[in-house]
Amino acid sequence: MGTANVIGTVNYLEAARLAGSKRFVLASSGAPLGEQEPPIHENMVPRPISPYGASKLAGEAYCSAYHGSFALDTVALRFGNVFGPRSSHKGSVVAKFIKHILADEPLLIYGDGNQTRDFIYVEDLVQAILLALERPGIGGEVFQVATHREHTVGEVAETLNLLAEKHLGRKSEIIYENERKGEVKRNYSDISKAKRMLGFEPKVGLEEGLERTFLWFLENR
């Protein structure tokens, strides 16, 4: 995945340059920052602890280089943990948990479940992308795009189990295994820059977003 991220980003940047595109928006991540005391923000020095994080950092660097060398308006958005309807193809934690619940299978958590993430509902993410495409004067910038809220993976599992009990009349067993190397233990974002410069404001909370997502999976399984 790391190599594909880097080569793919460079190929898209070069295509945008040759086509005379006015704006290039990169789907980045908080992963380039690695294990740092949250809330994470754009002024922190990146210290990726996974190949995925390193590849996203390389993509951000190439965006900066294309902005500086070719005057291509690039914007890097560091997505939080995105979830929502139409994500049945994804292996993200929310989608994976829901698919396991619907299959009446246990939910597997690596570590003690207290690792935290900043979960952002897909509609809020789309809002940020549209703003990044339209706002003038933000070429070369990097933005944290999340909710500035910290939730544990265990909390997500428990909330989805409550939804399973409500809509299916049953729960799934939660199984804990050894934590995996290269995973950040705590992560949530300071989104003040995105609020100030993009006018970004997330609107959907975790519980509401999880129920919307669960119901979509239930109706489309």
Protein backbone atom coordinates (compact mmCIF):
# COMPACT_ATOMS: atom_id res chain seq x y z
CA MET A 1 0.00 0.00 0.00
CA GLY A 2 2.84 2.41 0.84
CA THR A 3 4.43 2.24 -2.62
CA ALA A 4 1.05 2.55 -4.33
CA ASN A 5 0.25 5.66 -2.27
CA VAL A 6 3.50 7.39 -3.18
CA ILE A 7 3.60 6.48 -6.89
CA GLY A 8 -0.12 7.05 -7.29
CA THR A 9 0.07 10.51 -5.73
CA VAL A 10 2.99 11.54 -7.94
CA ASN A 11 1.20 10.27 -11.04
CA TYR A 12 -1.94 12.23 -10.17
CA LEU A 13 0.06 15.38 -9.39
CA GLU A 14 1.87 15.15 -12.72
CA ALA A 15 -1.42 14.59 -14.56
CA ALA A 16 -2.93 17.61 -12.77
CA ARG A 17 0.10 19.73 -13.71
CA LEU A 18 -0.04 18.72 -17.36
CA ALA A 19 -3.79 19.30 -17.51
CA GLY A 20 -3.46 22.78 -16.02
CA SER A 21 -5.66 21.93 -13.03
CA LYS A 22 -6.37 24.77 -10.63
CA ARG A 23 -6.59 22.73 -7.43
CA PHE A 24 -5.36 19.33 -6.24
CA VAL A 25 -6.72 17.90 -2.97
CA LEU A 26 -4.84 15.01 -1.35
CA ALA A 27 -6.62 12.52 0.90
CA SER A 28 -4.00 12.26 3.64
CA SER A 29 -4.23 11.03 7.22
CA GLY A 30 -3.14 11.70 10.78
CA ALA A 31 -0.74 8.76 10.37
CA PRO A 32 2.23 10.92 9.25
CA LEU A 33 2.38 12.39 12.76
CA GLY A 34 2.77 8.99 14.43
CA GLU A 35 2.61 8.57 18.21
CA GLN A 36 2.33 12.09 19.64
CA GLU A 37 0.39 13.64 22.50
CA PRO A 38 -3.05 14.55 21.16
CA PRO A 39 -4.74 16.62 20.01
CA ILE A 40 -2.58 16.42 16.91
CA HIS A 41 -2.23 19.53 14.76
CA GLU A 42 -0.52 20.80 11.63
CA ASN A 43 2.48 22.37 13.41
CA MET A 44 3.68 19.07 14.86
CA VAL A 45 6.80 17.48 13.38
CA PRO A 46 5.77 14.29 11.52
CA ARG A 47 7.13 11.04 12.98
CA PRO A 48 5.31 8.18 11.20
CA ILE A 49 5.53 4.77 12.86
CA SER A 50 4.00 2.76 9.99
CA PRO A 51 4.75 2.40 6.26
CA TYR A 52 1.23 3.75 5.60
CA GLY A 53 2.00 6.92 7.58
CA ALA A 54 5.33 7.33 5.80
CA SER A 55 3.63 6.99 2.40
CA LYS A 56 1.06 9.65 3.27
CA LEU A 57 3.83 11.96 4.48
CA ALA A 58 5.61 11.45 1.15
CA GLY A 59 2.38 12.40 -0.63
CA GLU A 60 2.15 15.60 1.40
CA ALA A 61 5.79 16.38 0.58
CA TYR A 62 5.18 15.94 -3.14
CA CYS A 63 2.14 18.21 -2.91
CA SER A 64 4.31 20.86 -1.29
CA ALA A 65 6.96 20.40 -3.98
CA TYR A 66 4.47 20.70 -6.84
CA HIS A 67 2.99 23.81 -5.24
CA GLY A 68 6.43 25.36 -4.83
CA SER A 69 7.91 24.32 -8.18
CA PHE A 70 4.92 24.40 -10.54
CA ALA A 71 2.46 26.75 -8.77
CA LEU A 72 -0.12 23.94 -8.61
CA ASP A 73 -2.65 24.74 -5.90
CA THR A 74 -2.36 21.70 -3.61
CA VAL A 75 -4.25 21.08 -0.38
CA ALA A 76 -3.63 18.09 1.90
CA LEU A 77 -6.49 16.98 4.15
CA ARG A 78 -5.52 14.71 7.02
CA PHE A 79 -8.67 12.65 7.45
CA GLY A 80 -9.73 11.28 10.80
CA ASN A 81 -11.21 7.75 10.91
CA VAL A 82 -13.94 7.98 8.30
CA PHE A 83 -17.14 5.93 8.61
CA GLY A 84 -20.63 5.96 7.18
CA PRO A 85 -23.04 4.32 4.72
CA ARG A 86 -21.77 2.68 1.51
CA SER A 87 -18.59 1.50 3.23
CA SER A 88 -19.22 -2.24 2.98
CA HIS A 89 -16.07 -2.59 0.84
CA LYS A 90 -13.88 -1.05 3.56
CA GLY A 91 -11.84 -2.79 6.24
CA SER A 92 -12.07 0.13 8.68
CA VAL A 93 -13.01 -0.63 12.26
CA VAL A 94 -16.65 0.54 12.07
CA ALA A 95 -17.42 -1.27 8.82
CA LYS A 96 -15.63 -4.40 10.01
CA PHE A 97 -17.48 -4.48 13.33
CA ILE A 98 -20.87 -4.02 11.67
CA LYS A 99 -20.19 -6.77 9.13
CA HIS A 100 -19.19 -9.11 11.95
CA ILE A 101 -22.32 -8.24 13.95
CA LEU A 102 -24.60 -8.93 10.98
CA ALA A 103 -22.84 -12.25 10.43
CA ASP A 104 -23.29 -13.06 14.15
CA GLU A 105 -19.52 -13.22 14.57
CA PRO A 106 -17.37 -11.92 17.45
CA LEU A 107 -15.76 -8.48 17.39
CA LEU A 108 -11.98 -8.68 17.50
CA ILE A 109 -10.08 -5.85 19.20
CA TYR A 110 -6.29 -5.69 19.16
CA GLY A 111 -5.10 -4.43 22.54
CA ASP A 112 -7.32 -3.51 25.48
CA GLY A 113 -9.82 -1.43 23.49
CA ASN A 114 -8.71 1.83 25.10
CA GLN A 115 -6.87 3.03 22.00
CA THR A 116 -8.59 6.17 20.74
CA ARG A 117 -9.43 7.63 17.37
CA ASP A 118 -11.21 10.68 15.99
CA PHE A 119 -14.17 9.25 14.05
CA ILE A 120 -15.64 11.50 11.36
CA TYR A 121 -18.92 10.80 9.57
CA VAL A 122 -18.67 10.70 5.78
CA GLU A 123 -21.06 13.64 5.21
CA ASP A 124 -18.85 15.88 7.33
CA LEU A 125 -15.78 14.70 5.43
CA VAL A 126 -17.43 15.50 2.10
CA GLN A 127 -18.19 18.99 3.40
CA ALA A 128 -14.47 19.49 4.14
CA ILE A 129 -13.42 18.24 0.69
CA LEU A 130 -15.83 20.61 -1.08
CA LEU A 131 -14.56 23.52 1.01
CA ALA A 132 -10.97 22.58 0.18
CA LEU A 133 -11.83 22.60 -3.53
CA GLU A 134 -13.54 25.97 -3.41
CA ARG A 135 -11.77 28.19 -0.86
CA PRO A 136 -9.30 30.66 -2.40
CA GLY A 137 -5.83 31.31 -1.02
CA ILE A 138 -5.15 27.92 0.61
CA GLY A 139 -2.65 26.47 -1.86
CA GLY A 140 0.15 24.53 -0.17
CA GLU A 141 -1.76 24.14 3.11
CA VAL A 142 -2.34 21.04 5.26
CA PHE A 143 -5.48 20.61 7.37
CA GLN A 144 -6.60 18.20 10.07
CA VAL A 145 -10.14 17.12 9.14
CA ALA A 146 -11.84 15.36 12.02
CA THR A 147 -14.14 16.26 14.94
CA HIS A 148 -11.80 17.21 17.83
CA ARG A 149 -13.39 14.37 19.83
CA GLU A 150 -11.65 11.29 21.23
CA HIS A 151 -13.44 7.94 21.33
CA THR A 152 -12.10 4.50 22.20
CA VAL A 153 -12.36 1.48 19.92
CA GLY A 154 -14.03 -0.32 22.82
CA GLU A 155 -16.65 2.42 23.00
CA VAL A 156 -17.41 1.97 19.31
CA ALA A 157 -17.81 -1.79 19.77
CA GLU A 158 -20.13 -1.33 22.75
CA THR A 159 -22.25 1.28 20.94
CA LEU A 160 -22.64 -0.97 17.91
CA ASN A 161 -23.59 -3.87 20.18
CA LEU A 162 -26.34 -1.70 21.70
CA LEU A 163 -27.59 -0.99 18.19
CA ALA A 164 -27.46 -4.72 17.42
CA GLU A 165 -29.53 -5.44 20.51
CA LYS A 166 -32.01 -2.71 19.52
CA HIS A 167 -32.43 -3.75 15.89
CA LEU A 168 -31.51 -7.46 15.90
CA GLY A 169 -32.27 -8.56 19.44
CA ARG A 170 -28.73 -9.88 20.02
CA LYS A 171 -25.14 -8.86 20.67
CA SER A 172 -21.73 -10.06 19.50
CA GLU A 173 -18.98 -11.30 21.76
CA ILE A 174 -16.00 -8.95 22.06
CA ILE A 175 -12.61 -10.71 21.91
CA TYR A 176 -9.32 -9.02 22.81
CA GLU A 177 -5.98 -10.02 21.29
CA ASN A 178 -2.42 -8.68 21.53
CA GLU A 179 -1.97 -5.16 20.19
CA ARG A 180 -0.33 -4.77 16.80
CA LYS A 181 2.94 -2.91 16.28
CA GLY A 182 2.81 0.34 14.33
CA GLU A 183 -0.60 1.39 15.67
CA VAL A 184 -1.04 4.70 17.49
CA LYS A 185 -2.56 4.37 20.97
CA ARG A 186 -4.22 7.80 21.22
CA ASN A 187 -5.33 10.01 18.38
CA TYR A 188 -7.66 12.94 17.95
CA SER A 189 -7.27 16.21 16.08
CA ASP A 190 -7.21 19.93 16.72
CA ILE A 191 -9.36 21.19 13.84
CA SER A 192 -9.10 24.92 14.62
CA LYS A 193 -7.14 25.63 11.42
CA ALA A 194 -9.77 23.91 9.26
CA LYS A 195 -12.49 25.86 11.06
CA ARG A 196 -10.66 29.15 10.61
CA MET A 197 -9.44 28.84 7.03
CA LEU A 198 -11.99 26.49 5.46
CA GLY A 199 -15.09 27.30 7.49
CA PHE A 200 -15.31 23.60 8.34
CA GLU A 201 -17.69 22.51 11.10
CA PRO A 202 -18.55 18.82 11.72
CA LYS A 203 -22.22 18.25 12.47
CA VAL A 204 -22.82 14.51 13.01
CA GLY A 205 -21.85 13.01 16.38
CA LEU A 206 -20.53 9.49 16.83
CA GLU A 207 -23.71 7.85 18.14
CA GLU A 208 -25.92 9.39 15.45
CA GLY A 209 -23.42 8.50 12.74
CA LEU A 210 -23.05 4.92 13.98
CA GLU A 211 -26.81 4.38 13.95
CA ARG A 212 -27.15 5.81 10.45
CA THR A 213 -24.33 3.54 9.29
CA PHE A 214 -25.67 0.46 11.06
CA LEU A 215 -29.13 0.93 9.54
CA TRP A 216 -27.65 1.31 6.06
CA PHE A 217 -25.73 -1.95 6.44
CA LEU A 218 -28.86 -3.63 7.84
CA GLU A 219 -30.96 -2.51 4.88
CA ASN A 220 -28.33 -3.34 2.26
CA ARG A 221 -26.82 -6.60 3.52
